[in-house]
């Protein structure tokens, strides 16, 4: 009987001890004691190339003051989840046709003819969209993106407002509400 009680006490003490250890570890991570940056803090001052091989500077999006949000979406024709997600993303962009939002859709490590063919298969909205290509791994080196799809949202102060990992269900109302809030946040900062 005493052995059972001792075993139960050891299990309780071990469980509580592990819980305290995990809590302290999480607090260190959140306080920045472990200096890992999980999310890109601001828009890198870099460039991609358009499908016509023109240089496209990321910071140029906000220079004229007409845009409040920049959405940078990394995808690839070789990525099945990306292809499955793209129609919903395109439909989502329709909701922002008359809003100060610019969408950059960056094909990662892809072949230009495949990207062009894929774009032709999608009914494009009148939203402000620029199709780019990154075969130089700018996305990986500057954005820390290792898998696609990934989507970043930046305000006009160039700060990151949100990062979405993996495919999203862009047609859900929560995304429209979130982006309306991002617009308000971005416009109120400046």
N, C-alpha and C. Protein backbone atom coordinates (compact mmCIF):
# COMPACT_ATOMS: atom_id res chain seq x y z
N UNK A 1 0.82 -1.19 0.00
CA UNK A 1 0.00 0.00 0.00
C UNK A 1 0.87 1.26 0.00
N UNK A 2 1.91 1.25 0.84
CA UNK A 2 2.81 2.40 0.91
C UNK A 2 3.54 2.58 -0.41
N UNK A 3 3.89 1.49 -1.07
CA UNK A 3 4.56 1.57 -2.37
C UNK A 3 3.67 2.25 -3.40
N UNK A 4 2.40 1.91 -3.40
CA UNK A 4 1.46 2.55 -4.34
C UNK A 4 1.35 4.05 -4.09
N UNK A 5 1.29 4.42 -2.83
CA UNK A 5 1.19 5.84 -2.48
C UNK A 5 2.45 6.57 -2.92
N UNK A 6 3.62 5.96 -2.69
CA UNK A 6 4.88 6.57 -3.11
C UNK A 6 4.94 6.72 -4.63
N UNK A 7 4.49 5.71 -5.36
CA UNK A 7 4.49 5.78 -6.82
C UNK A 7 3.58 6.90 -7.30
N UNK A 8 2.41 7.00 -6.71
CA UNK A 8 1.46 8.06 -7.08
C UNK A 8 2.05 9.43 -6.77
N UNK A 9 2.69 9.58 -5.61
CA UNK A 9 3.32 10.86 -5.26
C UNK A 9 4.45 11.22 -6.23
N UNK A 10 5.25 10.23 -6.61
CA UNK A 10 6.34 10.47 -7.57
C UNK A 10 5.76 10.93 -8.90
N UNK A 11 4.68 10.29 -9.35
CA UNK A 11 4.04 10.67 -10.62
C UNK A 11 3.49 12.09 -10.53
N UNK A 12 2.86 12.44 -9.43
CA UNK A 12 2.31 13.80 -9.25
C UNK A 12 3.42 14.83 -9.24
N UNK A 13 4.49 14.57 -8.49
CA UNK A 13 5.61 15.51 -8.42
C UNK A 13 6.27 15.66 -9.80
N UNK A 14 6.44 14.57 -10.51
CA UNK A 14 7.04 14.63 -11.85
C UNK A 14 6.15 15.42 -12.81
N UNK A 15 4.86 15.21 -12.75
CA UNK A 15 3.92 15.92 -13.62
C UNK A 15 3.93 17.42 -13.32
N UNK A 16 3.88 17.78 -12.05
CA UNK A 16 3.91 19.19 -11.67
C UNK A 16 5.25 19.81 -12.07
N UNK A 17 6.33 19.09 -11.83
CA UNK A 17 7.66 19.60 -12.19
C UNK A 17 7.78 19.83 -13.69
N UNK A 18 7.29 18.90 -14.48
CA UNK A 18 7.34 19.05 -15.95
C UNK A 18 6.48 20.24 -16.39
N UNK A 19 5.32 20.40 -15.77
CA UNK A 19 4.44 21.54 -16.10
C UNK A 19 5.13 22.87 -15.81
N UNK A 20 5.80 22.97 -14.68
CA UNK A 20 6.52 24.20 -14.32
C UNK A 20 7.66 24.45 -15.31
N UNK A 21 8.38 23.40 -15.67
CA UNK A 21 9.46 23.53 -16.64
C UNK A 21 8.93 24.04 -17.98
N UNK A 22 7.83 23.47 -18.48
CA UNK A 22 7.25 23.90 -19.75
C UNK A 22 6.77 25.34 -19.68
N UNK A 23 6.15 25.74 -18.58
CA UNK A 23 5.66 27.11 -18.40
C UNK A 23 6.84 28.09 -18.44
N UNK A 24 7.91 27.78 -17.72
CA UNK A 24 9.08 28.65 -17.72
C UNK A 24 9.73 28.73 -19.10
N UNK A 25 9.78 27.60 -19.80
CA UNK A 25 10.34 27.58 -21.15
C UNK A 25 9.52 28.46 -22.09
N UNK A 26 8.21 28.37 -22.01
CA UNK A 26 7.33 29.18 -22.85
C UNK A 26 7.47 30.67 -22.51
N UNK A 27 7.56 30.99 -21.23
CA UNK A 27 7.73 32.39 -20.83
C UNK A 27 9.04 32.96 -21.37
N UNK A 28 10.12 32.17 -21.34
CA UNK A 28 11.40 32.63 -21.89
C UNK A 28 11.27 32.91 -23.38
N UNK A 29 10.58 32.02 -24.10
CA UNK A 29 10.41 32.20 -25.54
C UNK A 29 9.59 33.45 -25.84
N UNK A 30 8.53 33.66 -25.09
CA UNK A 30 7.66 34.81 -25.35
C UNK A 30 8.30 36.13 -24.94
N UNK A 31 9.13 36.10 -23.92
CA UNK A 31 9.77 37.34 -23.47
C UNK A 31 10.97 37.71 -24.32
N UNK A 32 11.39 36.81 -25.19
CA UNK A 32 12.52 37.11 -26.05
C UNK A 32 13.84 36.70 -25.45
N UNK A 33 13.81 36.03 -24.29
CA UNK A 33 15.06 35.58 -23.68
C UNK A 33 15.80 34.65 -24.64
N UNK A 34 15.03 33.84 -25.36
CA UNK A 34 15.63 33.06 -26.42
C UNK A 34 15.42 33.87 -27.69
N UNK A 35 16.44 34.46 -28.23
CA UNK A 35 16.35 35.46 -29.29
C UNK A 35 16.07 34.83 -30.64
N UNK A 36 14.95 34.13 -30.77
CA UNK A 36 14.54 33.57 -32.04
C UNK A 36 13.39 34.42 -32.55
N UNK A 37 13.47 34.86 -33.78
CA UNK A 37 12.39 35.64 -34.35
C UNK A 37 11.52 34.71 -35.19
N UNK A 38 10.33 34.41 -34.67
CA UNK A 38 9.45 33.47 -35.33
C UNK A 38 8.78 34.11 -36.54
N UNK A 39 8.62 35.41 -36.51
CA UNK A 39 7.94 36.11 -37.61
C UNK A 39 8.82 37.26 -38.05
N UNK A 40 8.85 37.47 -39.33
CA UNK A 40 9.58 38.59 -39.91
C UNK A 40 8.98 39.89 -39.36
N UNK A 41 9.77 40.76 -38.78
CA UNK A 41 9.26 41.96 -38.12
C UNK A 41 8.81 43.03 -39.10
N UNK A 42 9.50 43.15 -40.22
CA UNK A 42 9.13 44.19 -41.18
C UNK A 42 9.49 43.76 -42.60
N UNK A 43 8.94 44.48 -43.56
CA UNK A 43 9.13 44.18 -44.97
C UNK A 43 10.59 44.39 -45.36
N UNK A 44 11.24 43.37 -45.88
CA UNK A 44 12.63 43.53 -46.31
C UNK A 44 12.72 44.51 -47.48
N UNK A 45 13.80 45.24 -47.54
CA UNK A 45 14.02 46.15 -48.66
C UNK A 45 14.74 45.37 -49.75
N UNK A 46 13.95 44.66 -50.51
CA UNK A 46 14.51 43.79 -51.54
C UNK A 46 13.63 43.86 -52.78
N UNK A 47 13.87 42.96 -53.71
CA UNK A 47 13.08 42.96 -54.95
C UNK A 47 12.89 41.53 -55.45
N UNK A 48 11.87 41.39 -56.28
CA UNK A 48 11.63 40.18 -57.04
C UNK A 48 11.59 40.60 -58.50
N UNK A 49 11.30 39.65 -59.38
CA UNK A 49 11.15 39.95 -60.80
C UNK A 49 9.74 39.62 -61.26
N UNK A 50 9.21 40.48 -62.11
CA UNK A 50 7.90 40.21 -62.70
C UNK A 50 8.04 39.07 -63.70
N UNK A 51 6.93 38.62 -64.20
CA UNK A 51 6.97 37.55 -65.20
C UNK A 51 7.57 38.03 -66.51
N UNK A 52 7.64 39.37 -66.69
CA UNK A 52 8.30 39.97 -67.86
C UNK A 52 9.77 40.27 -67.60
N UNK A 53 10.29 39.79 -66.46
CA UNK A 53 11.68 39.96 -66.06
C UNK A 53 12.04 41.41 -65.70
N UNK A 54 11.04 42.19 -65.27
CA UNK A 54 11.29 43.53 -64.76
C UNK A 54 11.50 43.46 -63.25
N UNK A 55 12.41 44.27 -62.76
CA UNK A 55 12.70 44.31 -61.33
C UNK A 55 11.52 44.98 -60.61
N UNK A 56 11.10 44.40 -59.48
CA UNK A 56 9.99 44.94 -58.70
C UNK A 56 10.44 45.12 -57.26
N UNK A 57 10.63 46.36 -56.82
CA UNK A 57 11.07 46.66 -55.46
C UNK A 57 9.91 46.60 -54.47
N UNK A 58 10.10 45.88 -53.38
CA UNK A 58 9.03 45.72 -52.40
C UNK A 58 8.65 47.04 -51.73
N UNK A 59 9.61 47.85 -51.38
CA UNK A 59 9.30 49.11 -50.70
C UNK A 59 8.63 50.12 -51.62
N UNK A 60 8.75 49.92 -52.93
CA UNK A 60 8.13 50.85 -53.87
C UNK A 60 6.60 50.83 -53.78
N UNK A 61 6.04 49.77 -53.25
CA UNK A 61 4.58 49.64 -53.14
C UNK A 61 3.98 50.81 -52.36
N UNK A 62 4.66 51.26 -51.33
CA UNK A 62 4.10 52.28 -50.45
C UNK A 62 4.60 53.69 -50.75
N UNK A 63 5.46 53.87 -51.73
CA UNK A 63 6.08 55.18 -51.98
C UNK A 63 5.07 56.28 -52.31
N UNK A 64 4.04 55.97 -53.11
CA UNK A 64 3.11 57.04 -53.50
C UNK A 64 1.99 57.25 -52.49
N UNK A 65 1.92 56.44 -51.45
CA UNK A 65 0.93 56.63 -50.39
C UNK A 65 -0.47 56.12 -50.71
N UNK A 66 -0.65 55.49 -51.87
CA UNK A 66 -1.99 55.04 -52.25
C UNK A 66 -2.36 53.67 -51.66
N UNK A 67 -1.40 52.95 -51.14
CA UNK A 67 -1.67 51.61 -50.60
C UNK A 67 -1.52 51.62 -49.08
N UNK A 68 -2.41 50.87 -48.44
CA UNK A 68 -2.37 50.73 -46.99
C UNK A 68 -1.87 49.35 -46.57
N UNK A 69 -2.09 48.35 -47.42
CA UNK A 69 -1.66 46.99 -47.11
C UNK A 69 -0.93 46.38 -48.29
N UNK A 70 0.04 45.56 -47.96
CA UNK A 70 0.73 44.74 -48.95
C UNK A 70 0.60 43.29 -48.49
N UNK A 71 0.11 42.45 -49.39
CA UNK A 71 -0.02 41.03 -49.11
C UNK A 71 0.97 40.31 -50.03
N UNK A 72 1.91 39.59 -49.44
CA UNK A 72 2.91 38.84 -50.20
C UNK A 72 2.61 37.35 -49.99
N UNK A 73 2.22 36.70 -51.08
CA UNK A 73 1.81 35.30 -51.02
C UNK A 73 2.81 34.47 -51.83
N UNK A 74 3.45 33.50 -51.16
CA UNK A 74 4.41 32.61 -51.81
C UNK A 74 3.71 31.32 -52.18
N UNK A 75 3.90 30.88 -53.41
CA UNK A 75 3.24 29.68 -53.92
C UNK A 75 4.09 29.06 -55.02
N UNK A 76 3.63 27.97 -55.59
CA UNK A 76 4.32 27.34 -56.72
C UNK A 76 3.38 26.43 -57.47
N UNK A 77 3.59 26.31 -58.77
CA UNK A 77 2.76 25.42 -59.57
C UNK A 77 3.04 23.96 -59.22
N UNK A 78 4.20 23.68 -58.68
CA UNK A 78 4.60 22.34 -58.30
C UNK A 78 4.02 21.94 -56.94
N UNK A 79 3.35 22.87 -56.27
CA UNK A 79 2.83 22.67 -54.91
C UNK A 79 1.32 22.41 -54.97
N UNK A 80 0.91 21.18 -54.73
CA UNK A 80 -0.51 20.82 -54.82
C UNK A 80 -1.39 21.65 -53.87
N UNK A 81 -1.00 21.85 -52.60
CA UNK A 81 -1.83 22.69 -51.73
C UNK A 81 -1.94 24.14 -52.24
N UNK A 82 -0.86 24.64 -52.87
CA UNK A 82 -0.89 26.00 -53.43
C UNK A 82 -1.91 26.10 -54.55
N UNK A 83 -1.87 25.12 -55.44
CA UNK A 83 -2.81 25.13 -56.56
C UNK A 83 -4.24 24.99 -56.07
N UNK A 84 -4.45 24.17 -55.06
CA UNK A 84 -5.80 23.98 -54.52
C UNK A 84 -6.29 25.26 -53.83
N UNK A 85 -5.38 26.00 -53.20
CA UNK A 85 -5.74 27.20 -52.46
C UNK A 85 -5.96 28.41 -53.37
N UNK A 86 -5.29 28.46 -54.51
CA UNK A 86 -5.29 29.67 -55.34
C UNK A 86 -6.67 30.16 -55.76
N UNK A 87 -7.61 29.31 -56.19
CA UNK A 87 -8.94 29.84 -56.55
C UNK A 87 -9.63 30.58 -55.39
N UNK A 88 -9.52 30.06 -54.19
CA UNK A 88 -10.12 30.74 -53.03
C UNK A 88 -9.41 32.06 -52.75
N UNK A 89 -8.10 32.09 -52.91
CA UNK A 89 -7.35 33.34 -52.71
C UNK A 89 -7.75 34.37 -53.74
N UNK A 90 -7.88 33.95 -54.99
CA UNK A 90 -8.29 34.87 -56.05
C UNK A 90 -9.69 35.41 -55.76
N UNK A 91 -10.58 34.55 -55.32
CA UNK A 91 -11.93 34.99 -54.97
C UNK A 91 -11.89 35.97 -53.80
N UNK A 92 -11.02 35.70 -52.83
CA UNK A 92 -10.84 36.60 -51.68
C UNK A 92 -10.37 37.98 -52.15
N UNK A 93 -9.46 38.00 -53.11
CA UNK A 93 -8.92 39.27 -53.62
C UNK A 93 -10.01 40.11 -54.28
N UNK A 94 -11.04 39.47 -54.81
CA UNK A 94 -12.16 40.22 -55.41
C UNK A 94 -12.80 41.15 -54.40
N UNK A 95 -12.80 40.76 -53.15
CA UNK A 95 -13.38 41.59 -52.09
C UNK A 95 -12.59 42.85 -51.81
N UNK A 96 -11.43 42.98 -52.43
CA UNK A 96 -10.56 44.14 -52.17
C UNK A 96 -10.23 44.90 -53.45
N UNK A 97 -11.10 44.75 -54.45
CA UNK A 97 -10.86 45.42 -55.73
C UNK A 97 -10.82 46.93 -55.61
N UNK A 98 -11.59 47.51 -54.73
CA UNK A 98 -11.63 48.97 -54.58
C UNK A 98 -11.03 49.43 -53.26
N UNK A 99 -10.13 48.64 -52.73
CA UNK A 99 -9.49 48.96 -51.45
C UNK A 99 -8.00 49.21 -51.70
N UNK A 100 -7.33 49.92 -50.78
CA UNK A 100 -5.90 50.22 -50.95
C UNK A 100 -4.98 49.05 -50.57
N UNK A 101 -5.21 47.92 -51.23
CA UNK A 101 -4.45 46.70 -50.94
C UNK A 101 -3.76 46.25 -52.23
N UNK A 102 -2.49 45.91 -52.12
CA UNK A 102 -1.75 45.35 -53.25
C UNK A 102 -1.38 43.91 -52.90
N UNK A 103 -1.62 43.01 -53.85
CA UNK A 103 -1.31 41.61 -53.68
C UNK A 103 -0.12 41.25 -54.56
N UNK A 104 0.90 40.67 -53.96
CA UNK A 104 2.04 40.15 -54.71
C UNK A 104 1.99 38.63 -54.60
N UNK A 105 1.83 37.98 -55.73
CA UNK A 105 1.81 36.52 -55.75
C UNK A 105 3.13 36.06 -56.34
N UNK A 106 3.97 35.48 -55.48
CA UNK A 106 5.34 35.14 -55.84
C UNK A 106 5.47 33.64 -56.06
N UNK A 107 5.71 33.26 -57.31
CA UNK A 107 5.95 31.86 -57.65
C UNK A 107 7.39 31.53 -57.26
N UNK A 108 7.54 30.50 -56.45
CA UNK A 108 8.83 30.15 -55.87
C UNK A 108 9.44 28.97 -56.61
N UNK A 109 10.70 29.16 -57.04
CA UNK A 109 11.44 28.09 -57.71
C UNK A 109 10.58 27.37 -58.75
N UNK A 110 10.10 28.14 -59.69
CA UNK A 110 9.14 27.64 -60.65
C UNK A 110 9.60 27.94 -62.07
N UNK A 111 8.91 27.35 -63.02
CA UNK A 111 9.21 27.57 -64.43
C UNK A 111 8.21 28.57 -64.99
N UNK A 112 8.71 29.60 -65.64
CA UNK A 112 7.88 30.68 -66.15
C UNK A 112 6.71 30.19 -67.01
N UNK A 113 6.92 29.28 -67.97
CA UNK A 113 5.78 28.82 -68.78
C UNK A 113 4.67 28.15 -67.95
N UNK A 114 5.07 27.41 -66.92
CA UNK A 114 4.07 26.77 -66.06
C UNK A 114 3.28 27.82 -65.27
N UNK A 115 3.97 28.84 -64.78
CA UNK A 115 3.31 29.91 -64.03
C UNK A 115 2.32 30.64 -64.94
N UNK A 116 2.77 31.00 -66.13
CA UNK A 116 1.90 31.72 -67.07
C UNK A 116 0.68 30.88 -67.44
N UNK A 117 0.87 29.60 -67.67
CA UNK A 117 -0.24 28.72 -68.00
C UNK A 117 -1.22 28.64 -66.84
N UNK A 118 -0.70 28.55 -65.62
CA UNK A 118 -1.56 28.46 -64.45
C UNK A 118 -2.37 29.76 -64.26
N UNK A 119 -1.75 30.89 -64.46
CA UNK A 119 -2.44 32.17 -64.31
C UNK A 119 -3.60 32.27 -65.31
N UNK A 120 -3.38 31.79 -66.53
CA UNK A 120 -4.44 31.83 -67.55
C UNK A 120 -5.64 30.98 -67.15
N UNK A 121 -5.43 29.99 -66.30
CA UNK A 121 -6.53 29.10 -65.89
C UNK A 121 -7.38 29.68 -64.76
N UNK A 122 -6.98 30.83 -64.23
CA UNK A 122 -7.66 31.45 -63.10
C UNK A 122 -8.38 32.71 -63.57
N UNK A 123 -9.64 32.87 -63.15
CA UNK A 123 -10.39 34.10 -63.46
C UNK A 123 -9.91 35.19 -62.52
N UNK A 124 -9.15 36.13 -63.05
CA UNK A 124 -8.52 37.15 -62.21
C UNK A 124 -9.47 38.30 -61.88
N UNK A 125 -9.44 38.74 -60.63
CA UNK A 125 -10.24 39.90 -60.24
C UNK A 125 -9.56 41.19 -60.69
N UNK A 126 -10.23 42.31 -60.48
CA UNK A 126 -9.67 43.61 -60.82
C UNK A 126 -8.86 44.19 -59.67
N UNK A 127 -8.58 43.39 -58.67
CA UNK A 127 -7.76 43.83 -57.55
C UNK A 127 -6.35 44.14 -58.05
N UNK A 128 -5.61 44.87 -57.24
CA UNK A 128 -4.23 45.25 -57.59
C UNK A 128 -3.31 44.06 -57.32
N UNK A 129 -3.03 43.30 -58.37
CA UNK A 129 -2.24 42.07 -58.26
C UNK A 129 -1.01 42.18 -59.14
N UNK A 130 0.13 41.77 -58.59
CA UNK A 130 1.35 41.68 -59.38
C UNK A 130 1.85 40.24 -59.22
N UNK A 131 2.08 39.59 -60.35
CA UNK A 131 2.61 38.23 -60.36
C UNK A 131 4.13 38.32 -60.49
N UNK A 132 4.81 37.68 -59.55
CA UNK A 132 6.27 37.73 -59.50
C UNK A 132 6.82 36.31 -59.49
N UNK A 133 8.12 36.24 -59.70
CA UNK A 133 8.79 34.93 -59.65
C UNK A 133 10.07 35.08 -58.83
N UNK A 134 10.37 34.04 -58.07
CA UNK A 134 11.59 34.05 -57.25
C UNK A 134 12.32 32.73 -57.44
N UNK A 135 13.29 32.76 -58.33
CA UNK A 135 14.13 31.58 -58.52
C UNK A 135 15.51 31.78 -57.90
N UNK A 136 15.66 32.88 -57.13
CA UNK A 136 16.93 33.18 -56.45
C UNK A 136 16.85 32.94 -54.95
N UNK A 137 15.76 32.37 -54.48
CA UNK A 137 15.55 32.07 -53.06
C UNK A 137 15.54 33.31 -52.16
N UNK A 138 15.11 34.44 -52.71
CA UNK A 138 14.94 35.65 -51.88
C UNK A 138 13.93 35.36 -50.77
N UNK A 139 12.87 34.63 -51.12
CA UNK A 139 11.83 34.30 -50.15
C UNK A 139 12.40 33.56 -48.95
N UNK A 140 13.29 32.64 -49.21
CA UNK A 140 13.86 31.83 -48.13
C UNK A 140 14.84 32.65 -47.30
N UNK A 141 15.69 33.38 -47.98
CA UNK A 141 16.75 34.11 -47.29
C UNK A 141 16.24 35.31 -46.50
N UNK A 142 15.29 36.08 -47.05
CA UNK A 142 14.83 37.30 -46.38
C UNK A 142 13.55 37.12 -45.58
N UNK A 143 12.65 36.28 -46.06
CA UNK A 143 11.36 36.10 -45.40
C UNK A 143 11.38 34.91 -44.44
N UNK A 144 12.38 34.04 -44.56
CA UNK A 144 12.44 32.86 -43.72
C UNK A 144 11.43 31.80 -44.13
N UNK A 145 10.96 31.89 -45.35
CA UNK A 145 9.96 30.96 -45.84
C UNK A 145 10.66 29.69 -46.33
N UNK A 146 10.27 28.58 -45.77
CA UNK A 146 10.88 27.32 -46.18
C UNK A 146 9.87 26.40 -46.86
N UNK A 147 8.59 26.65 -46.63
CA UNK A 147 7.55 25.86 -47.27
C UNK A 147 6.50 26.81 -47.83
N UNK A 148 5.83 26.39 -48.87
CA UNK A 148 4.76 27.19 -49.43
C UNK A 148 3.47 26.37 -49.37
N UNK A 149 2.33 27.01 -49.34
CA UNK A 149 2.13 28.45 -49.39
C UNK A 149 2.35 29.11 -48.03
N UNK A 150 2.81 30.34 -48.10
CA UNK A 150 2.90 31.23 -46.94
C UNK A 150 2.50 32.61 -47.39
N UNK A 151 1.84 33.33 -46.50
CA UNK A 151 1.34 34.65 -46.83
C UNK A 151 1.70 35.63 -45.72
N UNK A 152 2.25 36.79 -46.11
CA UNK A 152 2.59 37.85 -45.17
C UNK A 152 1.71 39.06 -45.47
N UNK A 153 1.31 39.76 -44.42
CA UNK A 153 0.55 41.00 -44.57
C UNK A 153 1.36 42.11 -43.89
N UNK A 154 1.64 43.19 -44.66
CA UNK A 154 2.42 44.32 -44.16
C UNK A 154 1.57 45.58 -44.20
N UNK A 155 1.73 46.42 -43.17
CA UNK A 155 1.08 47.73 -43.15
C UNK A 155 1.97 48.74 -43.83
N UNK A 156 1.43 49.96 -44.04
CA UNK A 156 2.20 50.96 -44.76
C UNK A 156 3.38 51.51 -43.96
N UNK A 157 3.46 51.16 -42.67
CA UNK A 157 4.66 51.48 -41.89
C UNK A 157 5.74 50.41 -42.09
N UNK A 158 5.47 49.46 -42.99
CA UNK A 158 6.36 48.36 -43.38
C UNK A 158 6.46 47.26 -42.33
N UNK A 159 5.68 47.34 -41.27
CA UNK A 159 5.70 46.32 -40.22
C UNK A 159 4.79 45.15 -40.60
N UNK A 160 5.19 43.97 -40.16
CA UNK A 160 4.39 42.78 -40.41
C UNK A 160 3.17 42.79 -39.51
N UNK A 161 2.00 42.65 -40.11
CA UNK A 161 0.76 42.57 -39.36
C UNK A 161 0.34 41.12 -39.10
N UNK A 162 0.68 40.23 -40.03
CA UNK A 162 0.27 38.84 -39.88
C UNK A 162 1.07 37.96 -40.83
N UNK A 163 1.25 36.72 -40.41
CA UNK A 163 1.86 35.70 -41.26
C UNK A 163 0.95 34.48 -41.21
N UNK A 164 0.57 34.00 -42.38
CA UNK A 164 -0.25 32.80 -42.49
C UNK A 164 0.62 31.66 -43.02
N UNK A 165 0.67 30.58 -42.29
CA UNK A 165 1.45 29.41 -42.70
C UNK A 165 0.53 28.38 -43.34
N UNK A 166 0.93 27.86 -44.46
CA UNK A 166 0.16 26.81 -45.11
C UNK A 166 -1.06 27.34 -45.84
N UNK A 167 -1.79 26.44 -46.47
CA UNK A 167 -2.98 26.86 -47.21
C UNK A 167 -4.07 27.35 -46.25
N UNK A 168 -4.80 28.35 -46.69
CA UNK A 168 -5.88 28.94 -45.89
C UNK A 168 -7.21 28.78 -46.62
N UNK A 169 -8.27 28.84 -45.89
CA UNK A 169 -9.61 28.84 -46.47
C UNK A 169 -10.04 30.30 -46.60
N UNK A 170 -9.52 30.97 -47.63
CA UNK A 170 -9.64 32.41 -47.78
C UNK A 170 -11.08 32.90 -47.90
N UNK A 171 -12.02 32.05 -48.24
CA UNK A 171 -13.41 32.49 -48.40
C UNK A 171 -14.17 32.60 -47.09
N UNK A 172 -13.55 32.22 -45.99
CA UNK A 172 -14.22 32.33 -44.70
C UNK A 172 -14.34 33.80 -44.29
N UNK A 173 -15.46 34.18 -43.70
CA UNK A 173 -15.68 35.58 -43.29
C UNK A 173 -14.60 36.13 -42.36
N UNK A 174 -13.97 35.27 -41.57
CA UNK A 174 -12.95 35.76 -40.63
C UNK A 174 -11.78 36.43 -41.35
N UNK A 175 -11.45 35.97 -42.56
CA UNK A 175 -10.35 36.59 -43.30
C UNK A 175 -10.74 37.99 -43.78
N UNK A 176 -11.97 38.15 -44.24
CA UNK A 176 -12.43 39.48 -44.67
C UNK A 176 -12.43 40.45 -43.49
N UNK A 177 -12.92 39.97 -42.33
CA UNK A 177 -12.92 40.83 -41.13
C UNK A 177 -11.49 41.18 -40.72
N UNK A 178 -10.61 40.19 -40.73
CA UNK A 178 -9.22 40.43 -40.34
C UNK A 178 -8.57 41.46 -41.24
N UNK A 179 -8.78 41.37 -42.54
CA UNK A 179 -8.15 42.31 -43.47
C UNK A 179 -8.75 43.71 -43.34
N UNK A 180 -10.02 43.81 -43.02
CA UNK A 180 -10.61 45.13 -42.75
C UNK A 180 -9.94 45.74 -41.52
N UNK A 181 -9.69 44.91 -40.51
CA UNK A 181 -8.99 45.38 -39.31
C UNK A 181 -7.55 45.78 -39.65
N UNK A 182 -6.88 44.99 -40.49
CA UNK A 182 -5.52 45.34 -40.89
C UNK A 182 -5.50 46.70 -41.59
N UNK A 183 -6.50 46.95 -42.42
CA UNK A 183 -6.58 48.27 -43.10
C UNK A 183 -6.71 49.39 -42.09
N UNK A 184 -7.56 49.20 -41.09
CA UNK A 184 -7.75 50.22 -40.05
C UNK A 184 -6.48 50.42 -39.25
N UNK A 185 -5.83 49.33 -38.89
CA UNK A 185 -4.58 49.42 -38.11
C UNK A 185 -3.52 50.15 -38.92
N UNK A 186 -3.35 49.78 -40.17
CA UNK A 186 -2.32 50.39 -41.01
C UNK A 186 -2.58 51.88 -41.21
N UNK A 187 -3.84 52.24 -41.45
CA UNK A 187 -4.16 53.65 -41.68
C UNK A 187 -4.04 54.48 -40.40
N UNK A 188 -4.24 53.86 -39.23
CA UNK A 188 -4.17 54.62 -37.99
C UNK A 188 -2.73 54.82 -37.51
N UNK A 189 -1.78 54.03 -38.02
CA UNK A 189 -0.40 54.13 -37.56
C UNK A 189 0.31 55.36 -38.11
N UNK A 190 -0.11 55.84 -39.26
CA UNK A 190 0.60 56.97 -39.87
C UNK A 190 -0.23 58.21 -39.86
